[in-house]
Amino acid sequence: MRKKILFILLFSLLVLLGACSASEMDTESSEDKAMAPEMEASNEVGTESEELANETSSDESQKAAPVVSVQRMIIHKAILSVNVKELDKAQSNIQKKVEQYGGYIVESNVYQEDDQTSSGTMIVRVPEENFEKFLLEAEGEAAKVLERNVTGQDVTEQYVDLESRVRSKRAVEERLLDFMSKAQKTEDLLKISEDLAQVQEEIEVMVGKMKYLENQTSFSTIEISMYENRVVVPEIDSKELNTWEKTKKQFATSTNSLLSAASAFIVFFIGNLPVLFILSLIGFGVYWFIRRRLNEQKKG
């Protein structure tokens, strides 16, 4: 009887334990089913956030590196050599045209080689958009074009490279300024100050180069050499004839020459009179001797 009761109790306990485990499994399965939609929603939100982050980073990268169509930057220079009829007039007309087109004169020179030849040089700068027009009108002042040389140097790549480097250096400058504001040690401040000064100096150099390129491309340079060859006809100047004065001068000159010759003859004759007297005696003696011999020969 006791064994039966014990068996019944054990069986009841096993049945109770089985029922409890079954209920727990049902509970877990129901919780899993309840959590499944939440996990799916969470995964969907995570995917959407990743896509949004990717789109944002893509937009930011596009903003950071925009594709810009850069206008070509060309440095134009021209050398013009011409013959002109009137140098002064040609230079004056070119100066007026330079002012008309909003340019300026860098240098202007005039050289007078002789009465028939003169030349001049002008170095002018005009805005790039008026370069061709001014060059054609400058050629219009010439009687003959001797030389025309136009060159162009593309500095677009150089300018864009400088611009990019300046942006990078500006960013470094901002970070150094930020570090300086947060630095607490004197050593750190000195080191950051040195680096900052070096970066700012590099920025100034690059900005100066950019401004030079901007100036060279916004204004074109033209060097003009002008030559004038003219025939000079001498004028009759009656003031320089002075006929009477020249006659008196010539008369005085000839009279002085005669007087000088007479004076020289008198000086020579009187000064050499003893010598002349002796020579005369010798000559007379020789003459008398020769004549006497001739007479004796005739008589014999």
C-alpha atoms as a PDB file:
ATOM      1  CA  MET A   1       0.000   0.000   0.000  1.00  0.00           C
ATOM      2  CA  ARG A   2       2.783   2.381   0.831  1.00  0.00           C
ATOM      3  CA  LYS A   3       4.535   1.499  -2.423  1.00  0.00           C
ATOM      4  CA  LYS A   4       1.457   2.437  -4.416  1.00  0.00           C
ATOM      5  CA  ILE A   5       1.107   5.736  -2.646  1.00  0.00           C
ATOM      6  CA  LEU A   6       4.786   6.509  -3.229  1.00  0.00           C
ATOM      7  CA  PHE A   7       4.457   5.578  -6.884  1.00  0.00           C
ATOM      8  CA  ILE A   8       1.423   7.812  -7.282  1.00  0.00           C
ATOM      9  CA  LEU A   9       3.249  10.731  -5.672  1.00  0.00           C
ATOM     10  CA  LEU A  10       6.268  10.286  -7.965  1.00  0.00           C
ATOM     11  CA  PHE A  11       4.055  10.033 -11.007  1.00  0.00           C
ATOM     12  CA  SER A  12       2.155  13.154 -10.004  1.00  0.00           C
ATOM     13  CA  LEU A  13       5.407  14.995  -9.488  1.00  0.00           C
ATOM     14  CA  LEU A  14       6.662  13.997 -12.923  1.00  0.00           C
ATOM     15  CA  VAL A  15       3.411  15.068 -14.523  1.00  0.00           C
ATOM     16  CA  LEU A  16       3.593  18.427 -12.724  1.00  0.00           C
ATOM     17  CA  LEU A  17       7.172  18.989 -13.823  1.00  0.00           C
ATOM     18  CA  GLY A  18       6.286  18.165 -17.399  1.00  0.00           C
ATOM     19  CA  ALA A  19       3.401  20.571 -17.365  1.00  0.00           C
ATOM     20  CA  CYS A  20       5.606  23.352 -15.990  1.00  0.00           C
ATOM     21  CA  SER A  21       8.281  22.840 -18.634  1.00  0.00           C
ATOM     22  CA  ALA A  22       5.685  22.821 -21.402  1.00  0.00           C
ATOM     23  CA  SER A  23       4.192  26.064 -20.146  1.00  0.00           C
ATOM     24  CA  GLU A  24       7.651  27.681 -20.020  1.00  0.00           C
ATOM     25  CA  MET A  25       8.388  26.604 -23.612  1.00  0.00           C
ATOM     26  CA  ASP A  26       5.070  28.039 -24.745  1.00  0.00           C
ATOM     27  CA  THR A  27       5.850  31.257 -22.931  1.00  0.00           C
ATOM     28  CA  GLU A  28       9.289  31.558 -24.549  1.00  0.00           C
ATOM     29  CA  SER A  29       7.928  30.836 -27.983  1.00  0.00           C
ATOM     30  CA  SER A  30       5.262  33.453 -27.514  1.00  0.00           C
ATOM     31  CA  GLU A  31       7.874  35.983 -26.357  1.00  0.00           C
ATOM     32  CA  ASP A  32      10.028  35.159 -29.366  1.00  0.00           C
ATOM     33  CA  LYS A  33       7.093  35.690 -31.626  1.00  0.00           C
ATOM     34  CA  ALA A  34       6.379  38.961 -29.906  1.00  0.00           C
ATOM     35  CA  MET A  35      10.013  40.154 -30.206  1.00  0.00           C
ATOM     36  CA  ALA A  36      10.395  39.137 -33.849  1.00  0.00           C
ATOM     37  CA  PRO A  37       8.605  42.202 -35.291  1.00  0.00           C
ATOM     38  CA  GLU A  38      10.611  44.500 -33.028  1.00  0.00           C
ATOM     39  CA  MET A  39      13.924  42.985 -34.178  1.00  0.00           C
ATOM     40  CA  GLU A  40      12.891  43.247 -37.810  1.00  0.00           C
ATOM     41  CA  ALA A  41      11.957  46.898 -37.282  1.00  0.00           C
ATOM     42  CA  SER A  42      15.261  47.530 -35.560  1.00  0.00           C
ATOM     43  CA  ASN A  43      17.152  45.954 -38.447  1.00  0.00           C
ATOM     44  CA  GLU A  44      15.191  48.046 -40.919  1.00  0.00           C
ATOM     45  CA  VAL A  45      15.976  51.245 -38.973  1.00  0.00           C
ATOM     46  CA  GLY A  46      19.665  50.346 -38.853  1.00  0.00           C
ATOM     47  CA  THR A  47      19.736  49.747 -42.593  1.00  0.00           C
ATOM     48  CA  GLU A  48      17.994  53.039 -43.272  1.00  0.00           C
ATOM     49  CA  SER A  49      20.411  54.913 -40.986  1.00  0.00           C
ATOM     50  CA  GLU A  50      23.363  53.336 -42.775  1.00  0.00           C
ATOM     51  CA  GLU A  51      21.933  54.343 -46.147  1.00  0.00           C
ATOM     52  CA  LEU A  52      21.301  57.874 -44.851  1.00  0.00           C
ATOM     53  CA  ALA A  53      24.843  58.046 -43.490  1.00  0.00           C
ATOM     54  CA  ASN A  54      26.197  56.884 -46.831  1.00  0.00           C
ATOM     55  CA  GLU A  55      24.132  59.467 -48.675  1.00  0.00           C
ATOM     56  CA  THR A  56      25.235  62.183 -46.241  1.00  0.00           C
ATOM     57  CA  SER A  57      28.899  61.247 -46.586  1.00  0.00           C
ATOM     58  CA  SER A  58      28.505  61.173 -50.355  1.00  0.00           C
ATOM     59  CA  ASP A  59      26.906  64.624 -50.325  1.00  0.00           C
ATOM     60  CA  GLU A  60      29.632  65.934 -48.058  1.00  0.00           C
ATOM     61  CA  SER A  61      32.339  64.512 -50.314  1.00  0.00           C
ATOM     62  CA  GLN A  62      30.685  66.131 -53.303  1.00  0.00           C
ATOM     63  CA  LYS A  63      30.554  69.429 -51.454  1.00  0.00           C
ATOM     64  CA  ALA A  64      34.169  69.073 -50.360  1.00  0.00           C
ATOM     65  CA  ALA A  65      35.397  68.388 -53.884  1.00  0.00           C
ATOM     66  CA  PRO A  66      33.082  70.267 -56.262  1.00  0.00           C
ATOM     67  CA  VAL A  67      33.594  69.959 -59.980  1.00  0.00           C
ATOM     68  CA  VAL A  68      34.188  73.518 -61.172  1.00  0.00           C
ATOM     69  CA  SER A  69      34.800  74.552 -64.759  1.00  0.00           C
ATOM     70  CA  VAL A  70      37.840  76.824 -64.435  1.00  0.00           C
ATOM     71  CA  GLN A  71      38.208  79.665 -66.927  1.00  0.00           C
ATOM     72  CA  ARG A  72      41.447  79.477 -68.852  1.00  0.00           C
ATOM     73  CA  MET A  73      44.103  81.947 -67.690  1.00  0.00           C
ATOM     74  CA  ILE A  74      46.411  83.042 -70.529  1.00  0.00           C
ATOM     75  CA  ILE A  75      49.282  85.540 -70.310  1.00  0.00           C
ATOM     76  CA  HIS A  76      49.392  87.335 -73.681  1.00  0.00           C
ATOM     77  CA  LYS A  77      52.438  89.266 -74.878  1.00  0.00           C
ATOM     78  CA  ALA A  78      53.063  90.976 -78.227  1.00  0.00           C
ATOM     79  CA  ILE A  79      56.125  92.521 -79.894  1.00  0.00           C
ATOM     80  CA  LEU A  80      55.404  94.993 -82.695  1.00  0.00           C
ATOM     81  CA  SER A  81      58.045  96.658 -84.880  1.00  0.00           C
ATOM     82  CA  VAL A  82      56.862  99.267 -87.410  1.00  0.00           C
ATOM     83  CA  ASN A  83      57.912 102.150 -89.648  1.00  0.00           C
ATOM     84  CA  VAL A  84      56.001 105.390 -89.078  1.00  0.00           C
ATOM     85  CA  LYS A  85      55.808 108.648 -90.995  1.00  0.00           C
ATOM     86  CA  GLU A  86      55.832 110.914 -87.919  1.00  0.00           C
ATOM     87  CA  LEU A  87      57.177 109.472 -84.682  1.00  0.00           C
ATOM     88  CA  ASP A  88      55.729 112.114 -82.350  1.00  0.00           C
ATOM     89  CA  LYS A  89      52.258 111.818 -83.844  1.00  0.00           C
ATOM     90  CA  ALA A  90      52.304 108.010 -83.735  1.00  0.00           C
ATOM     91  CA  GLN A  91      53.333 107.961 -80.067  1.00  0.00           C
ATOM     92  CA  SER A  92      50.636 110.487 -79.176  1.00  0.00           C
ATOM     93  CA  ASN A  93      47.927 108.448 -80.949  1.00  0.00           C
ATOM     94  CA  ILE A  94      49.016 105.207 -79.262  1.00  0.00           C
ATOM     95  CA  GLN A  95      48.975 106.907 -75.864  1.00  0.00           C
ATOM     96  CA  LYS A  96      45.388 108.069 -76.469  1.00  0.00           C
ATOM     97  CA  LYS A  97      44.338 104.545 -77.466  1.00  0.00           C
ATOM     98  CA  VAL A  98      45.913 103.081 -74.319  1.00  0.00           C
ATOM     99  CA  GLU A  99      43.901 105.493 -72.168  1.00  0.00           C
ATOM    100  CA  GLN A 100      40.774 104.770 -74.226  1.00  0.00           C
ATOM    101  CA  TYR A 101      40.996 101.028 -73.558  1.00  0.00           C
ATOM    102  CA  GLY A 102      41.688 101.442 -69.847  1.00  0.00           C
ATOM    103  CA  GLY A 103      45.380 100.525 -69.976  1.00  0.00           C
ATOM    104  CA  TYR A 104      48.544 102.253 -68.888  1.00  0.00           C
ATOM    105  CA  ILE A 105      52.054 103.002 -70.198  1.00  0.00           C
ATOM    106  CA  VAL A 106      54.935 101.171 -68.515  1.00  0.00           C
ATOM    107  CA  GLU A 107      57.784 102.784 -70.468  1.00  0.00           C
ATOM    108  CA  SER A 108      58.237 105.292 -73.315  1.00  0.00           C
ATOM    109  CA  ASN A 109      61.540 106.319 -74.935  1.00  0.00           C
ATOM    110  CA  VAL A 110      62.679 108.391 -77.954  1.00  0.00           C
ATOM    111  CA  TYR A 111      66.109 108.112 -79.602  1.00  0.00           C
ATOM    112  CA  GLN A 112      67.477 110.715 -82.069  1.00  0.00           C
ATOM    113  CA  GLU A 113      70.260 108.998 -84.013  1.00  0.00           C
ATOM    114  CA  ASP A 114      70.834 111.802 -86.574  1.00  0.00           C
ATOM    115  CA  ASP A 115      68.931 114.445 -88.541  1.00  0.00           C
ATOM    116  CA  GLN A 116      67.329 111.833 -90.776  1.00  0.00           C
ATOM    117  CA  THR A 117      66.736 108.891 -88.401  1.00  0.00           C
ATOM    118  CA  SER A 118      64.847 108.696 -85.115  1.00  0.00           C
ATOM    119  CA  SER A 119      63.226 105.847 -83.211  1.00  0.00           C
ATOM    120  CA  GLY A 120      61.103 105.221 -80.156  1.00  0.00           C
ATOM    121  CA  THR A 121      59.915 102.357 -77.955  1.00  0.00           C
ATOM    122  CA  MET A 122      56.755 102.014 -75.892  1.00  0.00           C
ATOM    123  CA  ILE A 123      55.764  99.252 -73.461  1.00  0.00           C
ATOM    124  CA  VAL A 124      52.043  99.379 -72.685  1.00  0.00           C
ATOM    125  CA  ARG A 125      49.545  97.170 -70.860  1.00  0.00           C
ATOM    126  CA  VAL A 126      45.878  96.927 -71.813  1.00  0.00           C
ATOM    127  CA  PRO A 127      43.012  94.796 -70.442  1.00  0.00           C
ATOM    128  CA  GLU A 128      42.955  91.255 -71.815  1.00  0.00           C
ATOM    129  CA  GLU A 129      39.565  91.700 -73.492  1.00  0.00           C
ATOM    130  CA  ASN A 130      40.922  94.648 -75.546  1.00  0.00           C
ATOM    131  CA  PHE A 131      44.212  93.009 -76.532  1.00  0.00           C
ATOM    132  CA  GLU A 132      43.359  92.143 -80.147  1.00  0.00           C
ATOM    133  CA  LYS A 133      41.539  95.433 -80.809  1.00  0.00           C
ATOM    134  CA  PHE A 134      44.414  97.546 -79.508  1.00  0.00           C
ATOM    135  CA  LEU A 135      46.965  95.520 -81.480  1.00  0.00           C
ATOM    136  CA  LEU A 136      45.073  96.073 -84.735  1.00  0.00           C
ATOM    137  CA  GLU A 137      44.734  99.814 -84.111  1.00  0.00           C
ATOM    138  CA  ALA A 138      48.424 100.102 -83.196  1.00  0.00           C
ATOM    139  CA  GLU A 139      49.285  98.463 -86.521  1.00  0.00           C
ATOM    140  CA  GLY A 140      47.045 101.038 -88.199  1.00  0.00           C
ATOM    141  CA  GLU A 141      49.445 103.793 -87.086  1.00  0.00           C
ATOM    142  CA  ALA A 142      52.283 102.168 -89.063  1.00  0.00           C
ATOM    143  CA  ALA A 143      53.375 102.919 -92.588  1.00  0.00           C
ATOM    144  CA  LYS A 144      54.859  99.424 -92.709  1.00  0.00           C
ATOM    145  CA  VAL A 145      54.812  96.510 -90.240  1.00  0.00           C
ATOM    146  CA  LEU A 146      58.313  95.078 -89.869  1.00  0.00           C
ATOM    147  CA  GLU A 147      57.628  92.455 -87.173  1.00  0.00           C
ATOM    148  CA  ARG A 148      54.583  91.068 -85.346  1.00  0.00           C
ATOM    149  CA  ASN A 149      55.056  88.436 -82.665  1.00  0.00           C
ATOM    150  CA  VAL A 150      52.231  87.329 -80.334  1.00  0.00           C
ATOM    151  CA  THR A 151      52.737  84.722 -77.600  1.00  0.00           C
ATOM    152  CA  GLY A 152      50.439  83.193 -74.981  1.00  0.00           C
ATOM    153  CA  GLN A 153      51.294  81.260 -71.817  1.00  0.00           C
ATOM    154  CA  ASP A 154      48.617  79.097 -70.175  1.00  0.00           C
ATOM    155  CA  VAL A 155      48.937  79.347 -66.373  1.00  0.00           C
ATOM    156  CA  THR A 156      45.553  77.858 -65.458  1.00  0.00           C
ATOM    157  CA  GLU A 157      47.005  74.688 -63.947  1.00  0.00           C
ATOM    158  CA  GLN A 158      49.568  76.661 -61.978  1.00  0.00           C
ATOM    159  CA  TYR A 159      46.891  78.994 -60.596  1.00  0.00           C
ATOM    160  CA  VAL A 160      44.538  76.135 -59.637  1.00  0.00           C
ATOM    161  CA  ASP A 161      47.398  74.317 -57.913  1.00  0.00           C
ATOM    162  CA  LEU A 162      48.270  77.449 -55.913  1.00  0.00           C
ATOM    163  CA  GLU A 163      44.625  77.943 -54.980  1.00  0.00           C
ATOM    164  CA  SER A 164      44.348  74.350 -53.728  1.00  0.00           C
ATOM    165  CA  ARG A 165      47.540  74.653 -51.725  1.00  0.00           C
ATOM    166  CA  VAL A 166      46.338  77.892 -50.140  1.00  0.00           C
ATOM    167  CA  ARG A 167      43.097  76.190 -49.033  1.00  0.00           C
ATOM    168  CA  SER A 168      45.095  73.362 -47.460  1.00  0.00           C
ATOM    169  CA  LYS A 169      47.394  75.806 -45.683  1.00  0.00           C
ATOM    170  CA  ARG A 170      44.370  77.792 -44.438  1.00  0.00           C
ATOM    171  CA  ALA A 171      42.980  74.612 -42.882  1.00  0.00           C
ATOM    172  CA  VAL A 172      46.345  73.930 -41.203  1.00  0.00           C
ATOM    173  CA  GLU A 173      46.391  77.528 -39.976  1.00  0.00           C
ATOM    174  CA  GLU A 174      42.945  77.126 -38.385  1.00  0.00           C
ATOM    175  CA  ARG A 175      43.976  73.912 -36.615  1.00  0.00           C
ATOM    176  CA  LEU A 176      47.154  75.530 -35.303  1.00  0.00           C
ATOM    177  CA  LEU A 177      45.156  78.496 -34.002  1.00  0.00           C
ATOM    178  CA  ASP A 178      42.800  76.066 -32.300  1.00  0.00           C
ATOM    179  CA  PHE A 179      45.717  74.188 -30.744  1.00  0.00           C
ATOM    180  CA  MET A 180      47.231  77.475 -29.586  1.00  0.00           C
ATOM    181  CA  SER A 181      44.029  78.463 -27.818  1.00  0.00           C
ATOM    182  CA  LYS A 182      44.022  75.122 -25.956  1.00  0.00           C
ATOM    183  CA  ALA A 183      47.748  74.890 -25.201  1.00  0.00           C
ATOM    184  CA  GLN A 184      48.768  75.384 -21.593  1.00  0.00           C
ATOM    185  CA  LYS A 185      52.527  74.832 -21.633  1.00  0.00           C
ATOM    186  CA  THR A 186      54.939  77.532 -22.787  1.00  0.00           C
ATOM    187  CA  GLU A 187      56.912  75.024 -24.840  1.00  0.00           C
ATOM    188  CA  ASP A 188      53.801  73.997 -26.716  1.00  0.00           C
ATOM    189  CA  LEU A 189      52.887  77.621 -27.367  1.00  0.00           C
ATOM    190  CA  LEU A 190      56.344  78.397 -28.767  1.00  0.00           C
ATOM    191  CA  LYS A 191      56.344  75.348 -31.010  1.00  0.00           C
ATOM    192  CA  ILE A 192      52.855  76.084 -32.312  1.00  0.00           C
ATOM    193  CA  SER A 193      53.787  79.752 -32.863  1.00  0.00           C
ATOM    194  CA  GLU A 194      56.795  78.753 -34.984  1.00  0.00           C
ATOM    195  CA  ASP A 195      54.728  76.360 -37.065  1.00  0.00           C
ATOM    196  CA  LEU A 196      51.978  78.963 -37.427  1.00  0.00           C
ATOM    197  CA  ALA A 197      54.437  81.654 -38.565  1.00  0.00           C
ATOM    198  CA  GLN A 198      55.911  79.302 -41.160  1.00  0.00           C
ATOM    199  CA  VAL A 199      52.472  78.344 -42.479  1.00  0.00           C
ATOM    200  CA  GLN A 200      51.358  81.988 -42.673  1.00  0.00           C
ATOM    201  CA  GLU A 201      54.563  82.910 -44.536  1.00  0.00           C
ATOM    202  CA  GLU A 202      53.934  80.133 -47.065  1.00  0.00           C
ATOM    203  CA  ILE A 203      50.365  81.377 -47.495  1.00  0.00           C
ATOM    204  CA  GLU A 204      51.581  84.937 -48.158  1.00  0.00           C
ATOM    205  CA  VAL A 205      54.068  83.709 -50.771  1.00  0.00           C
ATOM    206  CA  MET A 206      51.434  81.643 -52.585  1.00  0.00           C
ATOM    207  CA  VAL A 207      48.850  84.435 -52.416  1.00  0.00           C
ATOM    208  CA  GLY A 208      51.455  86.823 -53.873  1.00  0.00           C
ATOM    209  CA  LYS A 209      52.065  84.437 -56.771  1.00  0.00           C
ATOM    210  CA  MET A 210      48.327  84.156 -57.354  1.00  0.00           C
ATOM    211  CA  LYS A 211      47.941  87.940 -57.450  1.00  0.00           C
ATOM    212  CA  TYR A 212      50.848  88.188 -59.896  1.00  0.00           C
ATOM    213  CA  LEU A 213      49.240  85.623 -62.199  1.00  0.00           C
ATOM    214  CA  GLU A 214      45.899  87.432 -61.924  1.00  0.00           C
ATOM    215  CA  ASN A 215      47.560  90.716 -62.891  1.00  0.00           C
ATOM    216  CA  GLN A 216      49.470  89.174 -65.782  1.00  0.00           C
ATOM    217  CA  THR A 217      46.372  87.483 -67.173  1.00  0.00           C
ATOM    218  CA  SER A 218      44.004  90.416 -66.681  1.00  0.00           C
ATOM    219  CA  PHE A 219      46.354  92.827 -68.524  1.00  0.00           C
ATOM    220  CA  SER A 220      48.261  92.007 -71.717  1.00  0.00           C
ATOM    221  CA  THR A 221      51.703  93.482 -72.469  1.00  0.00           C
ATOM    222  CA  ILE A 222      52.575  95.036 -75.852  1.00  0.00           C
ATOM    223  CA  GLU A 223      56.077  96.254 -76.740  1.00  0.00           C
ATOM    224  CA  ILE A 224      56.103  98.634 -79.728  1.00  0.00           C
ATOM    225  CA  SER A 225      59.253  99.733 -81.577  1.00  0.00           C
ATOM    226  CA  MET A 226      58.799 102.624 -84.043  1.00  0.00           C
ATOM    227  CA  TYR A 227      61.259 103.892 -86.640  1.00  0.00           C
ATOM    228  CA  GLU A 228      61.040 107.131 -88.599  1.00  0.00           C
ATOM    229  CA  ASN A 229      63.195 107.799 -91.701  1.00  0.00           C
ATOM    230  CA  ARG A 230      62.771 111.264 -93.188  1.00  0.00           C
ATOM    231  CA  VAL A 231      64.510 113.339 -95.871  1.00  0.00           C
ATOM    232  CA  VAL A 232      65.868 116.601 -94.483  1.00  0.00           C
ATOM    233  CA  VAL A 233      65.963 119.474 -97.050  1.00  0.00           C
ATOM    234  CA  PRO A 234      68.418 122.183 -95.954  1.00  0.00           C
ATOM    235  CA  GLU A 235      67.043 125.735 -95.913  1.00  0.00           C
ATOM    236  CA  ILE A 236      68.789 128.815 -97.298  1.00  0.00           C
ATOM    237  CA  ASP A 237      69.762 130.999 -94.436  1.00  0.00           C
ATOM    238  CA  SER A 238      70.815 134.484 -95.640  1.00  0.00           C
ATOM    239  CA  LYS A 239      71.966 135.347 -92.175  1.00  0.00           C
ATOM    240  CA  GLU A 240      74.785 132.862 -92.457  1.00  0.00           C
ATOM    241  CA  LEU A 241      76.024 134.152 -95.911  1.00  0.00           C
ATOM    242  CA  ASN A 242      77.847 137.296 -94.623  1.00  0.00           C
ATOM    243  CA  THR A 243      79.328 138.072 -98.052  1.00  0.00           C
ATOM    244  CA  TRP A 244      80.887 141.416 -97.151  1.00  0.00           C
ATOM    245  CA  GLU A 245      82.384 140.092 -93.916  1.00  0.00           C
ATOM    246  CA  LYS A 246      83.813 137.047 -95.677  1.00  0.00           C
ATOM    247  CA  THR A 247      85.263 139.328 -98.469  1.00  0.00           C
ATOM    248  CA  LYS A 248      86.994 141.566 -95.957  1.00  0.00           C
ATOM    249  CA  LYS A 249      88.312 138.529 -94.172  1.00  0.00           C
ATOM    250  CA  GLN A 250      89.681 137.036 -97.407  1.00  0.00           C
ATOM    251  CA  PHE A 251      91.262 140.392 -98.430  1.00  0.00           C
ATOM    252  CA  ALA A 252      92.930 140.739 -95.078  1.00  0.00           C
ATOM    253  CA  THR A 253      94.133 137.140 -95.271  1.00  0.00           C
ATOM    254  CA  SER A 254      95.661 137.579 -98.764  1.00  0.00           C
ATOM    255  CA  THR A 255      97.246 140.935 -97.797  1.00  0.00           C
ATOM    256  CA  ASN A 256      98.739 139.385 -94.716  1.00  0.00           C
ATOM    257  CA  SER A 257     100.124 136.560 -96.852  1.00  0.00           C
ATOM    258  CA  LEU A 258     101.805 139.037 -99.232  1.00  0.00           C
ATOM    259  CA  LEU A 259     103.205 141.074 -96.398  1.00  0.00           C
ATOM    260  CA  SER A 260     104.465 137.930 -94.728  1.00  0.00           C
ATOM    261  CA  ALA A 261     106.176 136.844 -97.991  1.00  0.00           C
ATOM    262  CA  ALA A 262     107.742 140.288 -98.502  1.00  0.00           C
ATOM    263  CA  SER A 263     108.868 140.401 -94.914  1.00  0.00           C
ATOM    264  CA  ALA A 264     110.401 136.965 -95.248  1.00  0.00           C
ATOM    265  CA  PHE A 265     112.217 137.978 -98.462  1.00  0.00           C
ATOM    266  CA  ILE A 266     113.638 141.132 -96.888  1.00  0.00           C
ATOM    267  CA  VAL A 267     114.725 139.254 -93.807  1.00  0.00           C
ATOM    268  CA  PHE A 268     116.356 136.566 -95.944  1.00  0.00           C
ATOM    269  CA  PHE A 269     118.126 139.062 -98.276  1.00  0.00           C
ATOM    270  CA  ILE A 270     119.435 141.430 -95.625  1.00  0.00           C
ATOM    271  CA  GLY A 271     120.203 138.705 -93.152  1.00  0.00           C
ATOM    272  CA  ASN A 272     122.211 136.738 -95.741  1.00  0.00           C
ATOM    273  CA  LEU A 273     123.843 139.815 -97.465  1.00  0.00           C
ATOM    274  CA  PRO A 274     127.448 138.948 -96.519  1.00  0.00           C
ATOM    275  CA  VAL A 275     127.052 135.422 -97.810  1.00  0.00           C
ATOM    276  CA  LEU A 276     125.380 136.673-100.959  1.00  0.00           C
ATOM    277  CA  PHE A 277     128.209 139.225-101.515  1.00  0.00           C
ATOM    278  CA  ILE A 278     130.904 136.563-101.254  1.00  0.00           C
ATOM    279  CA  LEU A 279     128.947 134.211-103.522  1.00  0.00           C
ATOM    280  CA  SER A 280     128.532 137.075-106.001  1.00  0.00           C
ATOM    281  CA  LEU A 281     132.320 137.735-106.020  1.00  0.00           C
ATOM    282  CA  ILE A 282     133.063 134.074-106.538  1.00  0.00           C
ATOM    283  CA  GLY A 283     130.508 133.885-109.299  1.00  0.00           C
ATOM    284  CA  PHE A 284     131.869 136.985-110.994  1.00  0.00           C
ATOM    285  CA  GLY A 285     135.454 135.640-110.795  1.00  0.00           C
ATOM    286  CA  VAL A 286     134.395 132.321-112.315  1.00  0.00           C
ATOM    287  CA  TYR A 287     132.498 134.111-115.057  1.00  0.00           C
ATOM    288  CA  TRP A 288     135.505 136.414-115.838  1.00  0.00           C
ATOM    289  CA  PHE A 289     137.889 133.468-115.954  1.00  0.00           C
ATOM    290  CA  ILE A 290     135.707 131.436-118.289  1.00  0.00           C
ATOM    291  CA  ARG A 291     135.120 134.383-120.594  1.00  0.00           C
ATOM    292  CA  ARG A 292     138.846 135.171-120.775  1.00  0.00           C
ATOM    293  CA  ARG A 293     139.653 131.596-121.726  1.00  0.00           C
ATOM    294  CA  LEU A 294     137.067 131.664-124.423  1.00  0.00           C
ATOM    295  CA  ASN A 295     138.498 134.885-125.860  1.00  0.00           C
ATOM    296  CA  GLU A 296     142.050 133.474-125.889  1.00  0.00           C
ATOM    297  CA  GLN A 297     140.831 130.386-127.719  1.00  0.00           C
ATOM    298  CA  LYS A 298     139.158 132.516-130.367  1.00  0.00           C
ATOM    299  CA  LYS A 299     142.348 134.595-130.946  1.00  0.00           C
ATOM    300  CA  GLY A 300     144.577 131.547-131.107  1.00  0.00           C
END
